[in-house]
């Protein structure tokens, strides 16, 4: 275990504690289809790209919603928040993410 990112309270009532780990071998990714739409291996270069993240607003809330762009796809919600903070930690920036909102579809 390398460390923890910020706890993130979700709109659905959960508190997520992201744990950063180093795995020395290429483990299989086996997502739970009831919880995950897709799973990806993401190169560090992809999250370090200048245009990797964008922010938008939603009429339902004043907080910004973050999106992560990966090979033409937009990854939203908690996943984008976690990847963004991980990038910031790698760059030596102590960026907080509690002020970032989830898109409305994730408010369930």
N, C-alpha and C. Protein backbone atom coordinates (compact mmCIF):
# COMPACT_ATOMS: atom_id res chain seq x y z
N UNK A 1 0.85 -1.18 0.00
CA UNK A 1 0.00 0.00 0.00
C UNK A 1 0.89 1.23 0.00
N UNK A 2 0.61 2.15 -0.95
CA UNK A 2 1.40 3.38 -1.05
C UNK A 2 0.78 4.53 -0.25
N UNK A 3 -0.53 4.53 -0.13
CA UNK A 3 -1.18 5.61 0.60
C UNK A 3 -2.66 5.70 0.32
N UNK A 4 -3.26 6.74 0.85
CA UNK A 4 -4.69 6.99 0.69
C UNK A 4 -4.92 8.32 0.00
N UNK A 5 -5.98 8.39 -0.80
CA UNK A 5 -6.45 9.66 -1.31
C UNK A 5 -7.55 10.15 -0.37
N UNK A 6 -8.08 11.33 -0.64
CA UNK A 6 -9.14 11.88 0.22
C UNK A 6 -10.37 11.00 0.23
N UNK A 7 -11.00 10.88 1.40
CA UNK A 7 -12.33 10.28 1.46
C UNK A 7 -13.25 11.11 0.59
N UNK A 8 -14.20 10.46 -0.06
CA UNK A 8 -15.13 11.17 -0.93
C UNK A 8 -16.55 10.69 -0.65
N UNK A 9 -17.40 11.59 -0.11
CA UNK A 9 -18.80 11.21 0.13
C UNK A 9 -19.59 11.27 -1.17
N UNK A 10 -20.30 10.20 -1.48
CA UNK A 10 -21.08 10.17 -2.71
C UNK A 10 -22.49 10.67 -2.48
N UNK A 11 -23.14 11.05 -3.55
CA UNK A 11 -24.53 11.49 -3.47
C UNK A 11 -25.45 10.34 -3.07
N UNK A 12 -25.01 9.11 -3.31
CA UNK A 12 -25.85 7.95 -2.98
C UNK A 12 -25.69 7.52 -1.53
N UNK A 13 -24.89 8.26 -0.75
CA UNK A 13 -24.80 8.00 0.67
C UNK A 13 -23.62 7.17 1.14
N UNK A 14 -22.68 6.89 0.24
CA UNK A 14 -21.49 6.13 0.63
C UNK A 14 -20.32 7.06 0.88
N UNK A 15 -19.37 6.59 1.66
CA UNK A 15 -18.11 7.30 1.85
C UNK A 15 -17.02 6.40 1.29
N UNK A 16 -16.38 6.86 0.23
CA UNK A 16 -15.34 6.09 -0.46
C UNK A 16 -13.97 6.50 0.07
N UNK A 17 -13.16 5.53 0.45
CA UNK A 17 -11.78 5.78 0.86
C UNK A 17 -10.86 5.12 -0.18
N UNK A 18 -10.31 5.90 -1.11
CA UNK A 18 -9.45 5.33 -2.15
C UNK A 18 -8.08 4.93 -1.59
N UNK A 19 -7.67 3.72 -1.87
CA UNK A 19 -6.38 3.18 -1.43
C UNK A 19 -5.50 3.01 -2.67
N UNK A 20 -4.30 3.56 -2.63
CA UNK A 20 -3.36 3.44 -3.75
C UNK A 20 -2.37 2.32 -3.41
N UNK A 21 -2.28 1.35 -4.31
CA UNK A 21 -1.40 0.20 -4.09
C UNK A 21 -0.50 0.02 -5.31
N UNK A 22 0.63 -0.63 -5.09
CA UNK A 22 1.53 -1.01 -6.17
C UNK A 22 1.44 -2.52 -6.32
N UNK A 23 1.18 -2.97 -7.53
CA UNK A 23 1.10 -4.40 -7.81
C UNK A 23 2.25 -4.72 -8.76
N UNK A 24 3.10 -5.67 -8.38
CA UNK A 24 4.29 -5.95 -9.17
C UNK A 24 4.03 -6.84 -10.37
N UNK A 25 2.86 -7.46 -10.43
CA UNK A 25 2.55 -8.28 -11.60
C UNK A 25 1.26 -7.80 -12.23
N UNK A 26 1.06 -8.13 -13.46
CA UNK A 26 -0.14 -7.70 -14.18
C UNK A 26 -1.31 -8.60 -13.80
N UNK A 27 -2.11 -8.14 -12.89
CA UNK A 27 -3.25 -8.91 -12.41
C UNK A 27 -4.43 -8.76 -13.37
N UNK A 28 -5.26 -9.76 -13.43
CA UNK A 28 -6.47 -9.71 -14.26
C UNK A 28 -7.46 -8.72 -13.64
N UNK A 29 -8.15 -7.98 -14.49
CA UNK A 29 -9.21 -7.09 -14.04
C UNK A 29 -10.53 -7.82 -14.23
N UNK A 30 -11.26 -8.03 -13.12
CA UNK A 30 -12.54 -8.74 -13.17
C UNK A 30 -13.59 -7.86 -12.51
N UNK A 31 -14.21 -6.98 -13.30
CA UNK A 31 -15.20 -6.07 -12.71
C UNK A 31 -16.51 -6.77 -12.39
N UNK A 32 -17.19 -6.28 -11.37
CA UNK A 32 -18.52 -6.75 -11.02
C UNK A 32 -19.51 -6.02 -11.93
N UNK A 33 -20.14 -6.73 -12.83
CA UNK A 33 -21.02 -6.11 -13.82
C UNK A 33 -22.23 -5.42 -13.19
N UNK A 34 -22.56 -5.75 -11.96
CA UNK A 34 -23.66 -5.08 -11.28
C UNK A 34 -23.25 -3.69 -10.79
N UNK A 35 -21.95 -3.43 -10.72
CA UNK A 35 -21.45 -2.16 -10.19
C UNK A 35 -20.63 -1.36 -11.19
N UNK A 36 -20.08 -2.00 -12.22
CA UNK A 36 -19.10 -1.35 -13.09
C UNK A 36 -19.53 -1.50 -14.55
N UNK A 37 -19.53 -0.39 -15.29
CA UNK A 37 -19.87 -0.44 -16.71
C UNK A 37 -18.70 -0.91 -17.55
N UNK A 38 -17.47 -0.53 -17.16
CA UNK A 38 -16.28 -0.94 -17.90
C UNK A 38 -15.06 -0.80 -17.00
N UNK A 39 -13.99 -1.48 -17.37
CA UNK A 39 -12.74 -1.41 -16.62
C UNK A 39 -11.60 -1.17 -17.61
N UNK A 40 -10.60 -0.38 -17.20
CA UNK A 40 -9.52 0.02 -18.11
C UNK A 40 -8.19 0.01 -17.38
N UNK A 41 -7.15 -0.31 -18.10
CA UNK A 41 -5.79 -0.04 -17.63
C UNK A 41 -5.43 1.31 -18.22
N UNK A 42 -4.99 2.22 -17.38
CA UNK A 42 -4.74 3.59 -17.83
C UNK A 42 -3.27 3.91 -17.60
N UNK A 43 -2.58 4.26 -18.67
CA UNK A 43 -1.17 4.64 -18.57
C UNK A 43 -1.05 6.00 -17.88
N UNK A 44 0.03 6.17 -17.15
CA UNK A 44 0.25 7.45 -16.48
C UNK A 44 0.26 8.61 -17.47
N UNK A 45 0.76 8.38 -18.67
CA UNK A 45 0.78 9.44 -19.69
C UNK A 45 -0.64 9.94 -20.00
N UNK A 46 -1.61 9.05 -19.92
CA UNK A 46 -2.99 9.44 -20.22
C UNK A 46 -3.55 10.38 -19.16
N UNK A 47 -3.23 10.15 -17.90
CA UNK A 47 -3.77 11.03 -16.87
C UNK A 47 -2.95 12.31 -16.73
N UNK A 48 -1.73 12.30 -17.23
CA UNK A 48 -0.88 13.49 -17.17
C UNK A 48 -1.10 14.43 -18.36
N UNK A 49 -1.84 13.99 -19.37
CA UNK A 49 -2.09 14.82 -20.56
C UNK A 49 -2.79 16.11 -20.16
N UNK A 50 -2.41 17.19 -20.82
CA UNK A 50 -2.95 18.51 -20.47
C UNK A 50 -4.47 18.58 -20.63
N UNK A 51 -5.00 17.87 -21.63
CA UNK A 51 -6.45 17.91 -21.89
C UNK A 51 -7.19 16.69 -21.34
N UNK A 52 -6.59 15.97 -20.41
CA UNK A 52 -7.21 14.75 -19.88
C UNK A 52 -8.48 15.03 -19.09
N UNK A 53 -8.54 16.17 -18.43
CA UNK A 53 -9.68 16.47 -17.56
C UNK A 53 -10.38 17.74 -18.02
N UNK A 54 -11.69 17.74 -17.89
CA UNK A 54 -12.46 18.94 -18.16
C UNK A 54 -13.50 19.09 -17.05
N UNK A 55 -13.96 20.29 -16.91
CA UNK A 55 -14.94 20.60 -15.87
C UNK A 55 -16.17 21.21 -16.53
N UNK A 56 -17.33 20.87 -16.00
CA UNK A 56 -18.57 21.41 -16.51
C UNK A 56 -19.48 21.73 -15.33
N UNK A 57 -20.55 22.40 -15.62
CA UNK A 57 -21.54 22.72 -14.58
C UNK A 57 -22.86 22.05 -14.93
N UNK A 58 -23.69 21.89 -13.93
CA UNK A 58 -25.01 21.31 -14.13
C UNK A 58 -26.03 22.25 -13.49
N UNK A 59 -27.21 22.38 -14.08
CA UNK A 59 -28.21 23.30 -13.52
C UNK A 59 -28.68 22.90 -12.11
N UNK A 60 -28.49 21.64 -11.75
CA UNK A 60 -28.97 21.14 -10.46
C UNK A 60 -28.07 21.50 -9.29
N UNK A 61 -26.86 22.00 -9.57
CA UNK A 61 -25.89 22.23 -8.49
C UNK A 61 -24.88 23.30 -8.91
N UNK A 62 -24.32 23.99 -7.93
CA UNK A 62 -23.33 25.03 -8.23
C UNK A 62 -21.90 24.49 -8.27
N UNK A 63 -21.69 23.26 -7.80
CA UNK A 63 -20.34 22.69 -7.81
C UNK A 63 -19.99 22.17 -9.20
N UNK A 64 -18.71 22.20 -9.54
CA UNK A 64 -18.25 21.73 -10.85
C UNK A 64 -18.24 20.20 -10.92
N UNK A 65 -18.57 19.68 -12.09
CA UNK A 65 -18.51 18.25 -12.38
C UNK A 65 -17.25 18.00 -13.21
N UNK A 66 -16.47 17.00 -12.83
CA UNK A 66 -15.24 16.69 -13.54
C UNK A 66 -15.46 15.51 -14.47
N UNK A 67 -14.74 15.54 -15.61
CA UNK A 67 -14.78 14.44 -16.57
C UNK A 67 -13.35 14.12 -16.97
N UNK A 68 -13.09 12.84 -17.15
CA UNK A 68 -11.78 12.37 -17.60
C UNK A 68 -11.93 11.80 -19.00
N UNK A 69 -11.12 12.30 -19.92
CA UNK A 69 -11.18 11.85 -21.31
C UNK A 69 -10.16 10.73 -21.52
N UNK A 70 -10.62 9.57 -21.98
CA UNK A 70 -9.76 8.43 -22.25
C UNK A 70 -10.13 7.84 -23.59
N UNK A 71 -9.23 7.96 -24.54
CA UNK A 71 -9.42 7.43 -25.90
C UNK A 71 -10.82 7.68 -26.44
N UNK A 72 -11.24 8.93 -26.42
CA UNK A 72 -12.52 9.31 -26.98
C UNK A 72 -13.72 9.12 -26.08
N UNK A 73 -13.55 8.46 -24.95
CA UNK A 73 -14.64 8.26 -23.99
C UNK A 73 -14.54 9.32 -22.90
N UNK A 74 -15.67 9.64 -22.31
CA UNK A 74 -15.69 10.49 -21.12
C UNK A 74 -16.02 9.63 -19.92
N UNK A 75 -15.17 9.67 -18.93
CA UNK A 75 -15.39 8.94 -17.69
C UNK A 75 -15.77 9.96 -16.64
N UNK A 76 -16.93 9.76 -16.03
CA UNK A 76 -17.50 10.73 -15.08
C UNK A 76 -17.42 10.22 -13.65
N UNK A 77 -18.14 10.95 -12.84
CA UNK A 77 -18.46 10.57 -11.47
C UNK A 77 -17.23 10.35 -10.61
N UNK A 78 -17.36 9.47 -9.69
CA UNK A 78 -16.32 9.22 -8.71
C UNK A 78 -15.00 8.80 -9.37
N UNK A 79 -15.07 8.04 -10.44
CA UNK A 79 -13.86 7.57 -11.10
C UNK A 79 -12.99 8.74 -11.56
N UNK A 80 -13.59 9.73 -12.20
CA UNK A 80 -12.84 10.89 -12.66
C UNK A 80 -12.24 11.66 -11.49
N UNK A 81 -12.98 11.78 -10.40
CA UNK A 81 -12.48 12.48 -9.21
C UNK A 81 -11.23 11.79 -8.67
N UNK A 82 -11.28 10.47 -8.55
CA UNK A 82 -10.15 9.72 -8.00
C UNK A 82 -8.93 9.78 -8.90
N UNK A 83 -9.14 9.63 -10.20
CA UNK A 83 -8.01 9.69 -11.13
C UNK A 83 -7.39 11.09 -11.12
N UNK A 84 -8.23 12.11 -11.05
CA UNK A 84 -7.74 13.49 -11.01
C UNK A 84 -6.88 13.73 -9.76
N UNK A 85 -7.36 13.32 -8.61
CA UNK A 85 -6.57 13.54 -7.40
C UNK A 85 -5.28 12.74 -7.43
N UNK A 86 -5.31 11.53 -7.97
CA UNK A 86 -4.10 10.73 -8.10
C UNK A 86 -3.08 11.46 -8.97
N UNK A 87 -3.53 12.03 -10.08
CA UNK A 87 -2.63 12.81 -10.94
C UNK A 87 -2.02 13.97 -10.18
N UNK A 88 -2.83 14.66 -9.42
CA UNK A 88 -2.35 15.81 -8.67
C UNK A 88 -1.30 15.39 -7.63
N UNK A 89 -1.52 14.29 -6.96
CA UNK A 89 -0.55 13.77 -5.99
C UNK A 89 0.76 13.43 -6.69
N UNK A 90 0.68 12.77 -7.85
CA UNK A 90 1.89 12.43 -8.61
C UNK A 90 2.69 13.68 -8.99
N UNK A 91 1.98 14.77 -9.24
CA UNK A 91 2.62 16.03 -9.63
C UNK A 91 3.10 16.83 -8.42
N UNK A 92 2.87 16.32 -7.22
CA UNK A 92 3.31 17.01 -6.01
C UNK A 92 2.39 18.11 -5.55
N UNK A 93 1.14 18.09 -6.04
CA UNK A 93 0.17 19.12 -5.65
C UNK A 93 -0.82 18.53 -4.64
N UNK A 94 -1.08 19.25 -3.58
CA UNK A 94 -2.03 18.81 -2.55
C UNK A 94 -3.42 19.32 -2.91
N UNK A 95 -4.01 18.74 -3.93
CA UNK A 95 -5.31 19.17 -4.44
C UNK A 95 -6.43 18.40 -3.74
N UNK A 96 -7.38 19.11 -3.20
CA UNK A 96 -8.54 18.51 -2.55
C UNK A 96 -9.64 18.32 -3.60
N UNK A 97 -10.51 17.35 -3.40
CA UNK A 97 -11.55 17.05 -4.39
C UNK A 97 -12.98 17.09 -3.82
N UNK A 98 -13.12 17.41 -2.55
CA UNK A 98 -14.44 17.40 -1.92
C UNK A 98 -15.40 18.40 -2.56
N UNK A 99 -14.88 19.42 -3.24
CA UNK A 99 -15.75 20.42 -3.87
C UNK A 99 -16.19 20.01 -5.27
N UNK A 100 -15.73 18.86 -5.76
CA UNK A 100 -16.13 18.40 -7.09
C UNK A 100 -17.40 17.56 -6.99
N UNK A 101 -18.32 17.83 -7.88
CA UNK A 101 -19.63 17.19 -7.89
C UNK A 101 -19.64 15.97 -8.80
N UNK A 102 -20.61 15.12 -8.58
CA UNK A 102 -20.87 13.99 -9.46
C UNK A 102 -21.96 14.40 -10.44
N UNK A 103 -21.98 13.80 -11.64
CA UNK A 103 -23.08 14.11 -12.56
C UNK A 103 -24.42 13.63 -11.98
N UNK A 104 -25.50 14.22 -12.45
CA UNK A 104 -26.82 13.94 -11.88
C UNK A 104 -27.15 12.45 -11.93
N UNK A 105 -26.73 11.72 -12.97
CA UNK A 105 -27.06 10.29 -13.06
C UNK A 105 -26.49 9.49 -11.88
N UNK A 106 -25.47 10.02 -11.23
CA UNK A 106 -24.84 9.31 -10.10
C UNK A 106 -25.44 9.69 -8.76
N UNK A 107 -26.47 10.50 -8.75
CA UNK A 107 -27.07 10.96 -7.50
C UNK A 107 -28.02 9.93 -6.90
N UNK A 108 -28.18 8.78 -7.49
CA UNK A 108 -29.14 7.77 -7.03
C UNK A 108 -28.69 7.14 -5.73
